[in-house]
Full PDB file with SEQRES, HELIX, SHEET, SSBOND, CRYST1, ORIGX, SCALE, CONECT and MASTER records, all heavy atoms in Angstrom:
SEQRES   1 A   33  ASN LEU THR SER GLY LEU ALA PRO ALA GLY SER VAL GLN          
SEQRES   2 A   33  SER MET THR ASP TYR GLY GLU PRO GLY TYR GLY GLY PRO          
SEQRES   3 A   33  CYS PRO PRO GLN GLY HIS LYS                                  
CRYST1    1.000    1.000    1.000  90.00  90.00  90.00 P 1           1          
ORIGX1      1.000000  0.000000  0.000000        0.00000                         
ORIGX2      0.000000  1.000000  0.000000        0.00000                         
ORIGX3      0.000000  0.000000  1.000000        0.00000                         
SCALE1      1.000000  0.000000  0.000000        0.00000                         
SCALE2      0.000000  1.000000  0.000000        0.00000                         
SCALE3      0.000000  0.000000  1.000000        0.00000                         
ATOM      1  N   ASN A   1       0.830  -1.157  -0.045  1.00  0.00           N  
ATOM      2  CA  ASN A   1       0.034   0.047  -0.067  1.00  0.00           C  
ATOM      3  C   ASN A   1       0.942   1.242   0.004  1.00  0.00           C  
ATOM      4  O   ASN A   1       1.615   1.494   0.986  1.00  0.00           O  
ATOM      5  CB  ASN A   1      -0.921  -0.016   1.216  1.00  0.00           C  
ATOM      6  CG  ASN A   1      -1.776   1.177   1.394  1.00  0.00           C  
ATOM      7  OD1 ASN A   1      -1.486   2.275   0.854  1.00  0.00           O  
ATOM      8  ND2 ASN A   1      -2.918   1.061   2.102  1.00  0.00           N  
ATOM      9  N   LEU A   2       0.851   1.952  -1.062  1.00  0.00           N  
ATOM     10  CA  LEU A   2       1.817   3.140  -1.221  1.00  0.00           C  
ATOM     11  C   LEU A   2       1.676   4.161  -0.190  1.00  0.00           C  
ATOM     12  O   LEU A   2       2.658   4.882   0.115  1.00  0.00           O  
ATOM     13  CB  LEU A   2       1.655   3.738  -2.568  1.00  0.00           C  
ATOM     14  CG  LEU A   2       1.932   2.884  -3.823  1.00  0.00           C  
ATOM     15  CD1 LEU A   2       1.741   3.714  -5.124  1.00  0.00           C  
ATOM     16  CD2 LEU A   2       3.292   2.326  -3.770  1.00  0.00           C  
ATOM     17  N   THR A   3       0.555   4.265   0.517  1.00  0.00           N  
ATOM     18  CA  THR A   3       0.362   5.316   1.612  1.00  0.00           C  
ATOM     19  C   THR A   3       0.638   4.743   2.917  1.00  0.00           C  
ATOM     20  O   THR A   3       0.582   5.487   3.960  1.00  0.00           O  
ATOM     21  CB  THR A   3      -1.010   5.842   1.541  1.00  0.00           C  
ATOM     22  OG1 THR A   3      -1.994   4.801   1.844  1.00  0.00           O  
ATOM     23  CG2 THR A   3      -1.363   6.503   0.220  1.00  0.00           C  
ATOM     24  N   SER A   4       1.028   3.449   3.081  1.00  0.00           N  
ATOM     25  CA  SER A   4       1.250   2.844   4.386  1.00  0.00           C  
ATOM     26  C   SER A   4       2.540   3.268   5.059  1.00  0.00           C  
ATOM     27  O   SER A   4       2.678   3.180   6.208  1.00  0.00           O  
ATOM     28  CB  SER A   4       1.119   1.346   4.347  1.00  0.00           C  
ATOM     29  OG  SER A   4       2.164   0.823   3.657  1.00  0.00           O  
ATOM     30  N   GLY A   5       3.503   3.613   4.211  1.00  0.00           N  
ATOM     31  CA  GLY A   5       4.858   3.882   4.783  1.00  0.00           C  
ATOM     32  C   GLY A   5       5.619   2.627   5.229  1.00  0.00           C  
ATOM     33  O   GLY A   5       6.600   2.745   5.927  1.00  0.00           O  
ATOM     34  N   LEU A   6       5.078   1.425   4.857  1.00  0.00           N  
ATOM     35  CA  LEU A   6       5.726   0.236   5.309  1.00  0.00           C  
ATOM     36  C   LEU A   6       6.803  -0.435   4.458  1.00  0.00           C  
ATOM     37  O   LEU A   6       7.552  -1.289   4.911  1.00  0.00           O  
ATOM     38  CB  LEU A   6       4.607  -0.806   5.642  1.00  0.00           C  
ATOM     39  CG  LEU A   6       3.614  -0.427   6.701  1.00  0.00           C  
ATOM     40  CD1 LEU A   6       2.459  -1.481   6.754  1.00  0.00           C  
ATOM     41  CD2 LEU A   6       4.287  -0.317   8.059  1.00  0.00           C  
ATOM     42  N   ALA A   7       6.940   0.098   3.243  1.00  0.00           N  
ATOM     43  CA  ALA A   7       7.944  -0.462   2.314  1.00  0.00           C  
ATOM     44  C   ALA A   7       9.235   0.076   2.814  1.00  0.00           C  
ATOM     45  O   ALA A   7       9.385   1.142   3.395  1.00  0.00           O  
ATOM     46  CB  ALA A   7       7.681  -0.005   0.887  1.00  0.00           C  
ATOM     47  N   PRO A   8      10.464  -0.676   2.514  1.00  0.00           N  
ATOM     48  CA  PRO A   8      11.705  -0.172   2.972  1.00  0.00           C  
ATOM     49  C   PRO A   8      12.205   1.130   2.330  1.00  0.00           C  
ATOM     50  O   PRO A   8      11.810   1.369   1.172  1.00  0.00           O  
ATOM     51  CB  PRO A   8      12.700  -1.342   2.475  1.00  0.00           C  
ATOM     52  CG  PRO A   8      11.774  -2.494   2.316  1.00  0.00           C  
ATOM     53  CD  PRO A   8      10.455  -1.964   1.924  1.00  0.00           C  
ATOM     54  N   ALA A   9      12.768   1.998   3.096  1.00  0.00           N  
ATOM     55  CA  ALA A   9      13.243   3.271   2.525  1.00  0.00           C  
ATOM     56  C   ALA A   9      14.194   2.995   1.352  1.00  0.00           C  
ATOM     57  O   ALA A   9      14.951   2.113   1.412  1.00  0.00           O  
ATOM     58  CB  ALA A   9      14.123   3.997   3.657  1.00  0.00           C  
ATOM     59  N   GLY A  10      13.839   3.851   0.320  1.00  0.00           N  
ATOM     60  CA  GLY A  10      14.694   3.737  -0.890  1.00  0.00           C  
ATOM     61  C   GLY A  10      14.121   2.714  -1.871  1.00  0.00           C  
ATOM     62  O   GLY A  10      14.592   2.717  -3.014  1.00  0.00           O  
ATOM     63  N   SER A  11      13.252   1.903  -1.538  1.00  0.00           N  
ATOM     64  CA  SER A  11      12.649   0.938  -2.418  1.00  0.00           C  
ATOM     65  C   SER A  11      11.664   1.630  -3.412  1.00  0.00           C  
ATOM     66  O   SER A  11      11.142   2.749  -3.026  1.00  0.00           O  
ATOM     67  CB  SER A  11      11.985  -0.209  -1.676  1.00  0.00           C  
ATOM     68  OG  SER A  11      10.812   0.254  -1.007  1.00  0.00           O  
ATOM     69  N   VAL A  12      11.425   0.969  -4.524  1.00  0.00           N  
ATOM     70  CA  VAL A  12      10.482   1.562  -5.548  1.00  0.00           C  
ATOM     71  C   VAL A  12       9.455   0.489  -5.922  1.00  0.00           C  
ATOM     72  O   VAL A  12       9.791  -0.625  -6.124  1.00  0.00           O  
ATOM     73  CB  VAL A  12      11.274   1.939  -6.827  1.00  0.00           C  
ATOM     74  CG1 VAL A  12      10.412   2.392  -7.946  1.00  0.00           C  
ATOM     75  CG2 VAL A  12      12.332   2.888  -6.515  1.00  0.00           C  
ATOM     76  N   GLN A  13       8.228   0.939  -5.786  1.00  0.00           N  
ATOM     77  CA  GLN A  13       7.103   0.045  -6.264  1.00  0.00           C  
ATOM     78  C   GLN A  13       6.667   0.512  -7.606  1.00  0.00           C  
ATOM     79  O   GLN A  13       6.265   1.699  -7.715  1.00  0.00           O  
ATOM     80  CB  GLN A  13       6.005   0.058  -5.247  1.00  0.00           C  
ATOM     81  CG  GLN A  13       6.391  -0.483  -3.843  1.00  0.00           C  
ATOM     82  CD  GLN A  13       5.180  -0.760  -2.958  1.00  0.00           C  
ATOM     83  OE1 GLN A  13       4.277  -1.507  -3.354  1.00  0.00           O  
ATOM     84  NE2 GLN A  13       5.342  -0.325  -1.745  1.00  0.00           N  
ATOM     85  N   SER A  14       6.804  -0.293  -8.592  1.00  0.00           N  
ATOM     86  CA  SER A  14       6.484   0.171  -9.963  1.00  0.00           C  
ATOM     87  C   SER A  14       5.157  -0.417 -10.529  1.00  0.00           C  
ATOM     88  O   SER A  14       4.469  -1.133  -9.823  1.00  0.00           O  
ATOM     89  CB  SER A  14       7.680  -0.040 -10.947  1.00  0.00           C  
ATOM     90  OG  SER A  14       7.777  -1.449 -11.229  1.00  0.00           O  
ATOM     91  N   MET A  15       4.915  -0.145 -11.821  1.00  0.00           N  
ATOM     92  CA  MET A  15       3.626  -0.421 -12.351  1.00  0.00           C  
ATOM     93  C   MET A  15       3.253  -1.906 -12.359  1.00  0.00           C  
ATOM     94  O   MET A  15       4.167  -2.712 -12.746  1.00  0.00           O  
ATOM     95  CB  MET A  15       3.633   0.103 -13.896  1.00  0.00           C  
ATOM     96  CG  MET A  15       3.747   1.543 -13.886  1.00  0.00           C  
ATOM     97  SD  MET A  15       2.429   2.487 -13.189  1.00  0.00           S  
ATOM     98  CE  MET A  15       1.222   2.412 -14.353  1.00  0.00           C  
ATOM     99  N   THR A  16       2.078  -2.214 -12.002  1.00  0.00           N  
ATOM    100  CA  THR A  16       1.441  -3.532 -12.223  1.00  0.00           C  
ATOM    101  C   THR A  16       0.707  -3.640 -13.393  1.00  0.00           C  
ATOM    102  O   THR A  16       0.485  -2.618 -14.050  1.00  0.00           O  
ATOM    103  CB  THR A  16       0.765  -3.986 -10.965  1.00  0.00           C  
ATOM    104  OG1 THR A  16      -0.598  -3.117 -11.049  1.00  0.00           O  
ATOM    105  CG2 THR A  16       1.377  -3.726  -9.622  1.00  0.00           C  
ATOM    106  N   ASP A  17       0.140  -4.795 -13.775  1.00  0.00           N  
ATOM    107  CA  ASP A  17      -0.678  -4.857 -14.932  1.00  0.00           C  
ATOM    108  C   ASP A  17      -2.130  -4.383 -14.693  1.00  0.00           C  
ATOM    109  O   ASP A  17      -2.915  -4.243 -15.506  1.00  0.00           O  
ATOM    110  CB  ASP A  17      -0.749  -6.305 -15.467  1.00  0.00           C  
ATOM    111  CG  ASP A  17       0.533  -6.630 -16.138  1.00  0.00           C  
ATOM    112  OD1 ASP A  17       1.220  -5.778 -16.593  1.00  0.00           O  
ATOM    113  OD2 ASP A  17       0.857  -7.898 -16.236  1.00  0.00           O  
ATOM    114  N   TYR A  18      -2.353  -3.851 -13.375  1.00  0.00           N  
ATOM    115  CA  TYR A  18      -3.603  -3.123 -13.130  1.00  0.00           C  
ATOM    116  C   TYR A  18      -3.477  -1.745 -13.547  1.00  0.00           C  
ATOM    117  O   TYR A  18      -4.420  -0.927 -13.500  1.00  0.00           O  
ATOM    118  CB  TYR A  18      -3.893  -3.261 -11.591  1.00  0.00           C  
ATOM    119  CG  TYR A  18      -4.451  -4.544 -11.188  1.00  0.00           C  
ATOM    120  CD1 TYR A  18      -3.728  -5.314 -10.310  1.00  0.00           C  
ATOM    121  CD2 TYR A  18      -5.696  -5.008 -11.645  1.00  0.00           C  
ATOM    122  CE1 TYR A  18      -4.243  -6.539  -9.854  1.00  0.00           C  
ATOM    123  CE2 TYR A  18      -6.128  -6.258 -11.279  1.00  0.00           C  
ATOM    124  CZ  TYR A  18      -5.434  -7.026 -10.307  1.00  0.00           C  
ATOM    125  OH  TYR A  18      -5.948  -8.299  -9.854  1.00  0.00           O  
ATOM    126  N   GLY A  19      -2.280  -1.287 -13.919  1.00  0.00           N  
ATOM    127  CA  GLY A  19      -2.047   0.097 -14.473  1.00  0.00           C  
ATOM    128  C   GLY A  19      -1.573   1.067 -13.349  1.00  0.00           C  
ATOM    129  O   GLY A  19      -1.499   2.290 -13.743  1.00  0.00           O  
ATOM    130  N   GLU A  20      -1.199   0.551 -12.207  1.00  0.00           N  
ATOM    131  CA  GLU A  20      -0.676   1.514 -11.207  1.00  0.00           C  
ATOM    132  C   GLU A  20       0.315   0.761 -10.358  1.00  0.00           C  
ATOM    133  O   GLU A  20       0.347  -0.506 -10.290  1.00  0.00           O  
ATOM    134  CB  GLU A  20      -1.825   2.034 -10.380  1.00  0.00           C  
ATOM    135  CG  GLU A  20      -2.664   1.002  -9.824  1.00  0.00           C  
ATOM    136  CD  GLU A  20      -3.902   1.582  -9.074  1.00  0.00           C  
ATOM    137  OE1 GLU A  20      -4.657   2.390  -9.705  1.00  0.00           O  
ATOM    138  OE2 GLU A  20      -4.302   1.091  -8.030  1.00  0.00           O  
ATOM    139  N   PRO A  21       1.229   1.578  -9.638  1.00  0.00           N  
ATOM    140  CA  PRO A  21       2.168   0.893  -8.817  1.00  0.00           C  
ATOM    141  C   PRO A  21       1.484   0.397  -7.506  1.00  0.00           C  
ATOM    142  O   PRO A  21       0.420   0.797  -7.151  1.00  0.00           O  
ATOM    143  CB  PRO A  21       3.147   2.010  -8.557  1.00  0.00           C  
ATOM    144  CG  PRO A  21       2.461   3.268  -8.766  1.00  0.00           C  
ATOM    145  CD  PRO A  21       1.354   2.996  -9.764  1.00  0.00           C  
ATOM    146  N   GLY A  22       2.225  -0.424  -6.716  1.00  0.00           N  
ATOM    147  CA  GLY A  22       1.846  -1.021  -5.528  1.00  0.00           C  
ATOM    148  C   GLY A  22       1.134  -2.353  -5.727  1.00  0.00           C  
ATOM    149  O   GLY A  22       1.137  -2.880  -6.711  1.00  0.00           O  
ATOM    150  N   TYR A  23       0.794  -2.907  -4.572  1.00  0.00           N  
ATOM    151  CA  TYR A  23       0.254  -4.300  -4.626  1.00  0.00           C  
ATOM    152  C   TYR A  23      -1.203  -4.258  -5.176  1.00  0.00           C  
ATOM    153  O   TYR A  23      -2.084  -3.612  -4.847  1.00  0.00           O  
ATOM    154  CB  TYR A  23       0.142  -4.851  -3.181  1.00  0.00           C  
ATOM    155  CG  TYR A  23      -0.431  -6.177  -3.091  1.00  0.00           C  
ATOM    156  CD1 TYR A  23       0.301  -7.361  -3.429  1.00  0.00           C  
ATOM    157  CD2 TYR A  23      -1.653  -6.390  -2.671  1.00  0.00           C  
ATOM    158  CE1 TYR A  23      -0.248  -8.605  -3.285  1.00  0.00           C  
ATOM    159  CE2 TYR A  23      -2.321  -7.646  -2.509  1.00  0.00           C  
ATOM    160  CZ  TYR A  23      -1.571  -8.808  -2.831  1.00  0.00           C  
ATOM    161  OH  TYR A  23      -2.028 -10.090  -2.763  1.00  0.00           O  
ATOM    162  N   GLY A  24      -1.399  -5.283  -6.084  1.00  0.00           N  
ATOM    163  CA  GLY A  24      -2.685  -5.587  -6.670  1.00  0.00           C  
ATOM    164  C   GLY A  24      -2.973  -7.003  -6.529  1.00  0.00           C  
ATOM    165  O   GLY A  24      -2.235  -7.850  -7.149  1.00  0.00           O  
ATOM    166  N   GLY A  25      -3.833  -7.520  -5.666  1.00  0.00           N  
ATOM    167  CA  GLY A  25      -3.981  -8.893  -5.390  1.00  0.00           C  
ATOM    168  C   GLY A  25      -4.602  -9.773  -6.427  1.00  0.00           C  
ATOM    169  O   GLY A  25      -5.020  -9.218  -7.512  1.00  0.00           O  
ATOM    170  N   PRO A  26      -4.568 -11.049  -6.205  1.00  0.00           N  
ATOM    171  CA  PRO A  26      -5.167 -11.992  -7.107  1.00  0.00           C  
ATOM    172  C   PRO A  26      -6.639 -11.675  -7.479  1.00  0.00           C  
ATOM    173  O   PRO A  26      -7.460 -11.177  -6.692  1.00  0.00           O  
ATOM    174  CB  PRO A  26      -5.177 -13.303  -6.526  1.00  0.00           C  
ATOM    175  CG  PRO A  26      -3.982 -13.192  -5.491  1.00  0.00           C  
ATOM    176  CD  PRO A  26      -4.101 -11.714  -5.055  1.00  0.00           C  
ATOM    177  N   CYS A  27      -6.924 -11.830  -8.758  1.00  0.00           N  
ATOM    178  CA  CYS A  27      -8.420 -11.714  -9.110  1.00  0.00           C  
ATOM    179  C   CYS A  27      -8.535 -12.372 -10.654  1.00  0.00           C  
ATOM    180  O   CYS A  27      -8.710 -11.642 -11.589  1.00  0.00           O  
ATOM    181  CB  CYS A  27      -8.759 -10.229  -9.304  1.00  0.00           C  
ATOM    182  SG  CYS A  27     -10.529 -10.061  -9.672  1.00  0.00           S  
ATOM    183  N   PRO A  28      -8.360 -13.713 -10.622  1.00  0.00           N  
ATOM    184  CA  PRO A  28      -8.566 -14.326 -11.958  1.00  0.00           C  
ATOM    185  C   PRO A  28      -9.955 -14.269 -12.502  1.00  0.00           C  
ATOM    186  O   PRO A  28     -10.881 -14.000 -11.712  1.00  0.00           O  
ATOM    187  CB  PRO A  28      -8.143 -15.824 -11.559  1.00  0.00           C  
ATOM    188  CG  PRO A  28      -8.597 -15.954 -10.257  1.00  0.00           C  
ATOM    189  CD  PRO A  28      -8.397 -14.619  -9.618  1.00  0.00           C  
ATOM    190  N   PRO A  29     -10.106 -14.511 -13.787  1.00  0.00           N  
ATOM    191  CA  PRO A  29     -11.440 -14.541 -14.433  1.00  0.00           C  
ATOM    192  C   PRO A  29     -12.320 -15.469 -13.682  1.00  0.00           C  
ATOM    193  O   PRO A  29     -11.943 -16.646 -13.354  1.00  0.00           O  
ATOM    194  CB  PRO A  29     -11.246 -14.845 -15.879  1.00  0.00           C  
ATOM    195  CG  PRO A  29      -9.812 -14.467 -16.098  1.00  0.00           C  
ATOM    196  CD  PRO A  29      -9.090 -14.718 -14.887  1.00  0.00           C  
ATOM    197  N   GLN A  30     -13.680 -15.202 -13.635  1.00  0.00           N  
ATOM    198  CA  GLN A  30     -14.686 -16.072 -13.036  1.00  0.00           C  
ATOM    199  C   GLN A  30     -14.675 -17.469 -13.724  1.00  0.00           C  
ATOM    200  O   GLN A  30     -14.498 -17.356 -15.126  1.00  0.00           O  
ATOM    201  CB  GLN A  30     -16.079 -15.386 -13.157  1.00  0.00           C  
ATOM    202  CG  GLN A  30     -17.003 -16.161 -12.431  1.00  0.00           C  
ATOM    203  CD  GLN A  30     -17.085 -15.971 -10.907  1.00  0.00           C  
ATOM    204  OE1 GLN A  30     -16.658 -15.045 -10.387  1.00  0.00           O  
ATOM    205  NE2 GLN A  30     -17.435 -17.093 -10.248  1.00  0.00           N  
ATOM    206  N   GLY A  31     -14.701 -18.505 -13.084  1.00  0.00           N  
ATOM    207  CA  GLY A  31     -14.836 -19.822 -13.621  1.00  0.00           C  
ATOM    208  C   GLY A  31     -13.426 -20.482 -14.155  1.00  0.00           C  
ATOM    209  O   GLY A  31     -13.401 -21.574 -14.488  1.00  0.00           O  
ATOM    210  N   HIS A  32     -12.410 -19.649 -13.934  1.00  0.00           N  
ATOM    211  CA  HIS A  32     -10.960 -20.208 -14.166  1.00  0.00           C  
ATOM    212  C   HIS A  32     -10.576 -21.274 -13.045  1.00  0.00           C  
ATOM    213  O   HIS A  32     -11.057 -21.086 -11.884  1.00  0.00           O  
ATOM    214  CB  HIS A  32     -10.000 -19.239 -14.253  1.00  0.00           C  
ATOM    215  CG  HIS A  32      -9.832 -18.605 -15.621  1.00  0.00           C  
ATOM    216  ND1 HIS A  32      -8.590 -18.270 -16.152  1.00  0.00           N  
ATOM    217  CD2 HIS A  32     -10.722 -18.309 -16.603  1.00  0.00           C  
ATOM    218  CE1 HIS A  32      -8.830 -17.781 -17.372  1.00  0.00           C  
ATOM    219  NE2 HIS A  32     -10.082 -17.789 -17.607  1.00  0.00           N  
ATOM    220  N   LYS A  33      -9.899 -22.253 -13.341  1.00  0.00           N  
ATOM    221  CA  LYS A  33      -9.299 -23.130 -12.316  1.00  0.00           C  
ATOM    222  C   LYS A  33      -8.307 -22.161 -11.470  1.00  0.00           C  
ATOM    223  O   LYS A  33      -7.958 -21.027 -11.983  1.00  0.00           O  
ATOM    224  CB  LYS A  33      -8.603 -24.276 -12.862  1.00  0.00           C  
ATOM    225  CG  LYS A  33      -7.294 -23.892 -13.705  1.00  0.00           C  
ATOM    226  CD  LYS A  33      -6.551 -25.099 -14.223  1.00  0.00           C  
ATOM    227  CE  LYS A  33      -5.255 -24.545 -14.933  1.00  0.00           C  
ATOM    228  NZ  LYS A  33      -4.413 -25.654 -15.198  1.00  0.00           N  
TER     229      LYS A  33                                                      
MASTER        0    0    0    0    0    0    0    6  228    1    0    3          
END                                                                             
């Protein structure tokens, strides 16, 4: 969470495939194994 301040100092969180930096959890398509 980019606003949590919990990532190590100096680290960089870059773009995910959700289109923004930071954590984006699992969310596979409905019905997929």
